[in-house]
Amino acid sequence: MKLDSYIITNADLVPGRGHVYVAKEATAGGADVIQFREKHMDTGEMIRVATTMQKICRQCGATFIVNDRVDVALAMDADGVHVGQKDMPTATARRLIGPNKVLGVSASSVELAQRAEDPHADYVGVGMIFQAGLKGKIGTAKGVDILREISRAVKIPVVAIGGIDHGNAAACIEAGAAGCAVITAIVTAPDVREATAGLAQIIREAKERLR
């Protein structure tokens, strides 16, 4: 599973720019993963939107992940699900989705990453790497050193998240991340497709320099 450019949708950031639009444009720009993150829709609407996004991803060869909602992921046969530490135990999520679906788990420390790895998660999302949102409201930035620590401590891939944009994505890869999860820098970009293509190129070039 390729995790380089991991785009998380958000329908609240730009009026009229919903989940399906972002998924369509980001996959056209070369996104490897699309994560559907939605906190307000009812379950039926989430399933409908997620089904459309899954079709878009499959047409482009991208992986489709549902954030938090294991029930929605199962209902529309998503490629996988991503859960946070407060959402559902990793072992429970794995038991529900089965052995063949992708399972991502948020981990903010080496201990949590190791706990997620054995033997359930396919990758860990690590953050907040850089300051994102209102300072102090959603946590403190950890910097790229945490990526280096966790990538050395686990065998599964590490995906960096939190305040990542075109200017700092390469630093995350150089610190050991397998990919970068990006929201604002893509969703609010004037051209989502172009922004995604640019991010993918930056990550690709960073990986080439490490070889």
C-alpha atoms as a PDB file:
ATOM      1  CA  MET A   1       0.000   0.000   0.000  1.00  0.00           C
ATOM      2  CA  LYS A   2       1.402   3.345  -1.070  1.00  0.00           C
ATOM      3  CA  LEU A   3       0.975   6.096   1.523  1.00  0.00           C
ATOM      4  CA  ASP A   4       3.014   8.958   0.029  1.00  0.00           C
ATOM      5  CA  SER A   5       0.307  11.571  -0.540  1.00  0.00           C
ATOM      6  CA  TYR A   6      -2.490  10.939   1.943  1.00  0.00           C
ATOM      7  CA  ILE A   7      -5.293  13.479   1.567  1.00  0.00           C
ATOM      8  CA  ILE A   8      -7.916  13.969   4.268  1.00  0.00           C
ATOM      9  CA  THR A   9     -11.152  15.612   3.169  1.00  0.00           C
ATOM     10  CA  ASN A  10     -12.911  18.353   5.096  1.00  0.00           C
ATOM     11  CA  ALA A  11     -16.176  19.823   3.843  1.00  0.00           C
ATOM     12  CA  ASP A  12     -16.141  22.766   6.275  1.00  0.00           C
ATOM     13  CA  LEU A  13     -13.035  24.635   5.144  1.00  0.00           C
ATOM     14  CA  VAL A  14     -14.201  25.978   1.772  1.00  0.00           C
ATOM     15  CA  PRO A  15     -17.907  26.604   1.067  1.00  0.00           C
ATOM     16  CA  GLY A  16     -19.125  24.498  -1.830  1.00  0.00           C
ATOM     17  CA  ARG A  17     -16.023  22.320  -1.853  1.00  0.00           C
ATOM     18  CA  GLY A  18     -17.317  19.048  -0.451  1.00  0.00           C
ATOM     19  CA  HIS A  19     -15.825  15.621   0.123  1.00  0.00           C
ATOM     20  CA  VAL A  20     -16.600  14.267  -3.341  1.00  0.00           C
ATOM     21  CA  TYR A  21     -15.081  17.279  -5.089  1.00  0.00           C
ATOM     22  CA  VAL A  22     -11.867  17.044  -3.084  1.00  0.00           C
ATOM     23  CA  ALA A  23     -11.634  13.291  -3.657  1.00  0.00           C
ATOM     24  CA  LYS A  24     -12.118  13.696  -7.398  1.00  0.00           C
ATOM     25  CA  GLU A  25      -9.576  16.484  -7.786  1.00  0.00           C
ATOM     26  CA  ALA A  26      -6.998  15.039  -5.402  1.00  0.00           C
ATOM     27  CA  THR A  27      -7.022  11.605  -7.032  1.00  0.00           C
ATOM     28  CA  ALA A  28      -6.708  13.267 -10.427  1.00  0.00           C
ATOM     29  CA  GLY A  29      -3.624  14.971  -9.002  1.00  0.00           C
ATOM     30  CA  GLY A  30      -2.114  11.666  -7.944  1.00  0.00           C
ATOM     31  CA  ALA A  31      -3.244  11.174  -4.334  1.00  0.00           C
ATOM     32  CA  ASP A  32      -2.404   7.710  -3.049  1.00  0.00           C
ATOM     33  CA  VAL A  33      -4.937   7.712  -0.203  1.00  0.00           C
ATOM     34  CA  ILE A  34      -8.167   9.583   0.408  1.00  0.00           C
ATOM     35  CA  GLN A  35      -9.505   9.641   3.953  1.00  0.00           C
ATOM     36  CA  PHE A  36     -13.138  10.621   4.449  1.00  0.00           C
ATOM     37  CA  ARG A  37     -13.402  12.615   7.675  1.00  0.00           C
ATOM     38  CA  GLU A  38     -16.887  13.798   8.588  1.00  0.00           C
ATOM     39  CA  LYS A  39     -18.298  14.714  12.000  1.00  0.00           C
ATOM     40  CA  HIS A  40     -21.737  16.111  11.205  1.00  0.00           C
ATOM     41  CA  MET A  41     -23.594  13.972   8.635  1.00  0.00           C
ATOM     42  CA  ASP A  42     -26.061  11.320   9.647  1.00  0.00           C
ATOM     43  CA  THR A  43     -25.058   7.740   8.943  1.00  0.00           C
ATOM     44  CA  GLY A  44     -27.163   7.288   5.818  1.00  0.00           C
ATOM     45  CA  GLU A  45     -25.711  10.386   4.182  1.00  0.00           C
ATOM     46  CA  MET A  46     -22.191   9.349   5.132  1.00  0.00           C
ATOM     47  CA  ILE A  47     -22.674   5.973   3.453  1.00  0.00           C
ATOM     48  CA  ARG A  48     -23.985   7.631   0.295  1.00  0.00           C
ATOM     49  CA  VAL A  49     -21.098  10.092   0.083  1.00  0.00           C
ATOM     50  CA  ALA A  50     -18.504   7.475   0.995  1.00  0.00           C
ATOM     51  CA  THR A  51     -19.787   5.123  -1.709  1.00  0.00           C
ATOM     52  CA  THR A  52     -19.302   7.820  -4.341  1.00  0.00           C
ATOM     53  CA  MET A  53     -15.817   8.602  -3.044  1.00  0.00           C
ATOM     54  CA  GLN A  54     -14.878   4.920  -3.076  1.00  0.00           C
ATOM     55  CA  LYS A  55     -15.846   4.664  -6.759  1.00  0.00           C
ATOM     56  CA  ILE A  56     -13.671   7.679  -7.568  1.00  0.00           C
ATOM     57  CA  CYS A  57     -10.720   6.185  -5.699  1.00  0.00           C
ATOM     58  CA  ARG A  58     -11.035   2.803  -7.384  1.00  0.00           C
ATOM     59  CA  GLN A  59     -11.086   4.422 -10.813  1.00  0.00           C
ATOM     60  CA  CYS A  60      -7.760   6.109 -10.004  1.00  0.00           C
ATOM     61  CA  GLY A  61      -6.146   3.286  -8.020  1.00  0.00           C
ATOM     62  CA  ALA A  62      -6.196   5.213  -4.746  1.00  0.00           C
ATOM     63  CA  THR A  63      -6.960   3.683  -1.356  1.00  0.00           C
ATOM     64  CA  PHE A  64     -10.154   4.870   0.334  1.00  0.00           C
ATOM     65  CA  ILE A  65     -10.190   5.136   4.134  1.00  0.00           C
ATOM     66  CA  VAL A  66     -13.070   6.120   6.435  1.00  0.00           C
ATOM     67  CA  ASN A  67     -12.092   8.039   9.556  1.00  0.00           C
ATOM     68  CA  ASP A  68     -13.458   6.762  12.894  1.00  0.00           C
ATOM     69  CA  ARG A  69     -16.674   5.197  11.606  1.00  0.00           C
ATOM     70  CA  VAL A  70     -16.106   1.463  11.332  1.00  0.00           C
ATOM     71  CA  ASP A  71     -19.838   0.949  10.733  1.00  0.00           C
ATOM     72  CA  VAL A  72     -19.802   3.235   7.690  1.00  0.00           C
ATOM     73  CA  ALA A  73     -16.652   1.592   6.337  1.00  0.00           C
ATOM     74  CA  LEU A  74     -18.247  -1.834   6.626  1.00  0.00           C
ATOM     75  CA  ALA A  75     -21.597  -0.723   5.202  1.00  0.00           C
ATOM     76  CA  MET A  76     -20.119   0.520   1.935  1.00  0.00           C
ATOM     77  CA  ASP A  77     -17.094  -1.810   1.776  1.00  0.00           C
ATOM     78  CA  ALA A  78     -14.357   0.807   2.122  1.00  0.00           C
ATOM     79  CA  ASP A  79     -10.743  -0.196   1.611  1.00  0.00           C
ATOM     80  CA  GLY A  80     -10.085   0.519   5.254  1.00  0.00           C
ATOM     81  CA  VAL A  81     -10.644   2.592   8.356  1.00  0.00           C
ATOM     82  CA  HIS A  82      -8.557   4.887  10.545  1.00  0.00           C
ATOM     83  CA  VAL A  83      -9.210   5.078  14.279  1.00  0.00           C
ATOM     84  CA  GLY A  84      -7.906   7.362  16.992  1.00  0.00           C
ATOM     85  CA  GLN A  85      -6.844   6.360  20.461  1.00  0.00           C
ATOM     86  CA  LYS A  86     -10.233   7.413  21.860  1.00  0.00           C
ATOM     87  CA  ASP A  87     -12.371   5.925  19.084  1.00  0.00           C
ATOM     88  CA  MET A  88     -12.041   2.156  19.369  1.00  0.00           C
ATOM     89  CA  PRO A  89      -9.379  -0.292  20.570  1.00  0.00           C
ATOM     90  CA  THR A  90      -7.138  -1.367  17.717  1.00  0.00           C
ATOM     91  CA  ALA A  91      -7.798  -5.069  18.282  1.00  0.00           C
ATOM     92  CA  THR A  92     -11.553  -4.484  18.217  1.00  0.00           C
ATOM     93  CA  ALA A  93     -11.374  -2.506  14.990  1.00  0.00           C
ATOM     94  CA  ARG A  94      -9.310  -5.246  13.377  1.00  0.00           C
ATOM     95  CA  ARG A  95     -11.729  -7.934  14.492  1.00  0.00           C
ATOM     96  CA  LEU A  96     -14.663  -6.007  13.026  1.00  0.00           C
ATOM     97  CA  ILE A  97     -13.131  -5.156   9.645  1.00  0.00           C
ATOM     98  CA  GLY A  98     -11.356  -8.481   9.175  1.00  0.00           C
ATOM     99  CA  PRO A  99      -7.792  -9.283   8.140  1.00  0.00           C
ATOM    100  CA  ASN A 100      -7.927  -7.941   4.589  1.00  0.00           C
ATOM    101  CA  LYS A 101      -8.949  -4.325   5.151  1.00  0.00           C
ATOM    102  CA  VAL A 102      -6.488  -1.521   5.844  1.00  0.00           C
ATOM    103  CA  LEU A 103      -6.356  -0.364   9.448  1.00  0.00           C
ATOM    104  CA  GLY A 104      -4.666   2.884  10.434  1.00  0.00           C
ATOM    105  CA  VAL A 105      -4.271   3.992  14.038  1.00  0.00           C
ATOM    106  CA  SER A 106      -3.322   7.373  15.483  1.00  0.00           C
ATOM    107  CA  ALA A 107      -0.268   7.254  17.739  1.00  0.00           C
ATOM    108  CA  SER A 108       1.420  10.179  19.445  1.00  0.00           C
ATOM    109  CA  SER A 109       4.198   8.220  21.158  1.00  0.00           C
ATOM    110  CA  VAL A 110       6.484   5.245  20.667  1.00  0.00           C
ATOM    111  CA  GLU A 111       4.503   3.257  23.225  1.00  0.00           C
ATOM    112  CA  LEU A 112       1.191   3.848  21.477  1.00  0.00           C
ATOM    113  CA  ALA A 113       2.679   3.055  18.083  1.00  0.00           C
ATOM    114  CA  GLN A 114       4.108  -0.230  19.316  1.00  0.00           C
ATOM    115  CA  ARG A 115       0.811  -1.122  20.938  1.00  0.00           C
ATOM    116  CA  ALA A 116      -1.022  -0.459  17.650  1.00  0.00           C
ATOM    117  CA  GLU A 117       1.488  -2.441  15.616  1.00  0.00           C
ATOM    118  CA  ASP A 118       1.293  -5.735  17.450  1.00  0.00           C
ATOM    119  CA  PRO A 119      -0.395  -7.303  15.587  1.00  0.00           C
ATOM    120  CA  HIS A 120      -3.256  -5.199  14.305  1.00  0.00           C
ATOM    121  CA  ALA A 121      -2.480  -1.908  12.496  1.00  0.00           C
ATOM    122  CA  ASP A 122      -1.155  -1.561   8.951  1.00  0.00           C
ATOM    123  CA  TYR A 123       0.210   1.930   9.582  1.00  0.00           C
ATOM    124  CA  VAL A 124       0.259   4.568  12.302  1.00  0.00           C
ATOM    125  CA  GLY A 125      -0.624   8.219  11.876  1.00  0.00           C
ATOM    126  CA  VAL A 126       1.721  10.350  13.958  1.00  0.00           C
ATOM    127  CA  GLY A 127       1.138  13.963  14.895  1.00  0.00           C
ATOM    128  CA  MET A 128       0.671  16.785  15.464  1.00  0.00           C
ATOM    129  CA  ILE A 129       4.005  17.388  13.715  1.00  0.00           C
ATOM    130  CA  PHE A 130       3.646  21.119  13.032  1.00  0.00           C
ATOM    131  CA  GLN A 131       1.256  23.603  14.577  1.00  0.00           C
ATOM    132  CA  ALA A 132      -2.169  23.385  12.997  1.00  0.00           C
ATOM    133  CA  GLY A 133      -5.378  25.260  13.730  1.00  0.00           C
ATOM    134  CA  LEU A 134      -5.626  27.587  16.703  1.00  0.00           C
ATOM    135  CA  LYS A 135      -2.547  27.324  18.874  1.00  0.00           C
ATOM    136  CA  GLY A 136      -3.191  25.324  21.994  1.00  0.00           C
ATOM    137  CA  LYS A 137      -6.672  24.269  20.931  1.00  0.00           C
ATOM    138  CA  ILE A 138      -5.795  20.925  19.341  1.00  0.00           C
ATOM    139  CA  GLY A 139      -2.513  20.068  20.977  1.00  0.00           C
ATOM    140  CA  THR A 140       1.140  21.022  20.860  1.00  0.00           C
ATOM    141  CA  ALA A 141       3.343  20.493  17.814  1.00  0.00           C
ATOM    142  CA  LYS A 142       5.805  17.657  18.343  1.00  0.00           C
ATOM    143  CA  GLY A 143       8.217  18.364  15.477  1.00  0.00           C
ATOM    144  CA  VAL A 144       9.820  15.847  13.139  1.00  0.00           C
ATOM    145  CA  ASP A 145      11.893  14.139  15.835  1.00  0.00           C
ATOM    146  CA  ILE A 146       8.876  12.090  16.905  1.00  0.00           C
ATOM    147  CA  LEU A 147       8.692  10.682  13.378  1.00  0.00           C
ATOM    148  CA  ARG A 148      12.295   9.569  13.624  1.00  0.00           C
ATOM    149  CA  GLU A 149      11.716   7.936  16.999  1.00  0.00           C
ATOM    150  CA  ILE A 150       8.582   6.065  16.028  1.00  0.00           C
ATOM    151  CA  SER A 151       9.749   4.979  12.568  1.00  0.00           C
ATOM    152  CA  ARG A 152      12.782   3.373  14.225  1.00  0.00           C
ATOM    153  CA  ALA A 153      10.639   1.671  16.871  1.00  0.00           C
ATOM    154  CA  VAL A 154       8.029   0.001  14.635  1.00  0.00           C
ATOM    155  CA  LYS A 155       8.104  -2.014  11.426  1.00  0.00           C
ATOM    156  CA  ILE A 156       4.865  -0.701   9.972  1.00  0.00           C
ATOM    157  CA  PRO A 157       4.777   2.574   7.994  1.00  0.00           C
ATOM    158  CA  VAL A 158       4.469   5.927   9.734  1.00  0.00           C
ATOM    159  CA  VAL A 159       2.306   8.688   8.251  1.00  0.00           C
ATOM    160  CA  ALA A 160       2.962  12.242   9.421  1.00  0.00           C
ATOM    161  CA  ILE A 161       0.008  14.511  10.142  1.00  0.00           C
ATOM    162  CA  GLY A 162      -0.563  17.998  11.483  1.00  0.00           C
ATOM    163  CA  GLY A 163       0.267  21.297   9.825  1.00  0.00           C
ATOM    164  CA  ILE A 164       1.956  19.654   6.853  1.00  0.00           C
ATOM    165  CA  ASP A 165       2.219  21.589   3.616  1.00  0.00           C
ATOM    166  CA  HIS A 166       4.409  21.867   0.531  1.00  0.00           C
ATOM    167  CA  GLY A 167       7.115  23.632   2.506  1.00  0.00           C
ATOM    168  CA  ASN A 168       7.656  21.043   5.219  1.00  0.00           C
ATOM    169  CA  ALA A 169       6.543  17.705   3.744  1.00  0.00           C
ATOM    170  CA  ALA A 170      10.082  16.786   2.665  1.00  0.00           C
ATOM    171  CA  ALA A 171      11.339  17.187   6.232  1.00  0.00           C
ATOM    172  CA  CYS A 172       8.793  14.594   7.381  1.00  0.00           C
ATOM    173  CA  ILE A 173       9.978  12.086   4.791  1.00  0.00           C
ATOM    174  CA  GLU A 174      13.601  12.743   5.677  1.00  0.00           C
ATOM    175  CA  ALA A 175      12.742  12.038   9.335  1.00  0.00           C
ATOM    176  CA  GLY A 176      11.374   8.601   8.483  1.00  0.00           C
ATOM    177  CA  ALA A 177       7.738   9.083   7.487  1.00  0.00           C
ATOM    178  CA  ALA A 178       6.412   6.872   4.705  1.00  0.00           C
ATOM    179  CA  GLY A 179       3.899   9.524   3.742  1.00  0.00           C
ATOM    180  CA  CYS A 180       2.244  12.814   4.669  1.00  0.00           C
ATOM    181  CA  ALA A 181      -1.408  13.273   5.594  1.00  0.00           C
ATOM    182  CA  VAL A 182      -2.559  16.721   4.523  1.00  0.00           C
ATOM    183  CA  ILE A 183      -5.818  18.573   4.965  1.00  0.00           C
ATOM    184  CA  THR A 184      -5.720  22.384   4.804  1.00  0.00           C
ATOM    185  CA  ALA A 185      -2.888  22.815   2.287  1.00  0.00           C
ATOM    186  CA  ILE A 186      -4.846  20.716  -0.205  1.00  0.00           C
ATOM    187  CA  VAL A 187      -8.504  21.373   0.581  1.00  0.00           C
ATOM    188  CA  THR A 188      -8.069  25.178   0.633  1.00  0.00           C
ATOM    189  CA  ALA A 189      -5.646  25.392  -2.292  1.00  0.00           C
ATOM    190  CA  PRO A 190      -6.824  27.430  -5.298  1.00  0.00           C
ATOM    191  CA  ASP A 191      -6.388  24.299  -7.424  1.00  0.00           C
ATOM    192  CA  VAL A 192      -6.757  21.038  -5.466  1.00  0.00           C
ATOM    193  CA  ARG A 193      -5.501  18.896  -8.329  1.00  0.00           C
ATOM    194  CA  GLU A 194      -2.400  20.996  -8.883  1.00  0.00           C
ATOM    195  CA  ALA A 195      -1.679  21.214  -5.153  1.00  0.00           C
ATOM    196  CA  THR A 196      -1.901  17.433  -4.800  1.00  0.00           C
ATOM    197  CA  ALA A 197       0.381  16.871  -7.774  1.00  0.00           C
ATOM    198  CA  GLY A 198       2.891  19.284  -6.274  1.00  0.00           C
ATOM    199  CA  LEU A 199       2.802  17.547  -2.904  1.00  0.00           C
ATOM    200  CA  ALA A 200       3.258  14.145  -4.523  1.00  0.00           C
ATOM    201  CA  GLN A 201       6.281  15.401  -6.439  1.00  0.00           C
ATOM    202  CA  ILE A 202       7.883  16.861  -3.300  1.00  0.00           C
ATOM    203  CA  ILE A 203       7.449  13.570  -1.444  1.00  0.00           C
ATOM    204  CA  ARG A 204       8.715  11.537  -4.390  1.00  0.00           C
ATOM    205  CA  GLU A 205      11.822  13.673  -4.735  1.00  0.00           C
ATOM    206  CA  ALA A 206      12.489  13.490  -0.959  1.00  0.00           C
ATOM    207  CA  LYS A 207      12.363   9.701  -1.109  1.00  0.00           C
ATOM    208  CA  GLU A 208      14.668   9.629  -4.108  1.00  0.00           C
ATOM    209  CA  ARG A 209      17.248  11.676  -2.215  1.00  0.00           C
ATOM    210  CA  LEU A 210      17.211   9.097   0.582  1.00  0.00           C
ATOM    211  CA  ARG A 211      18.015   6.175  -1.684  1.00  0.00           C
END
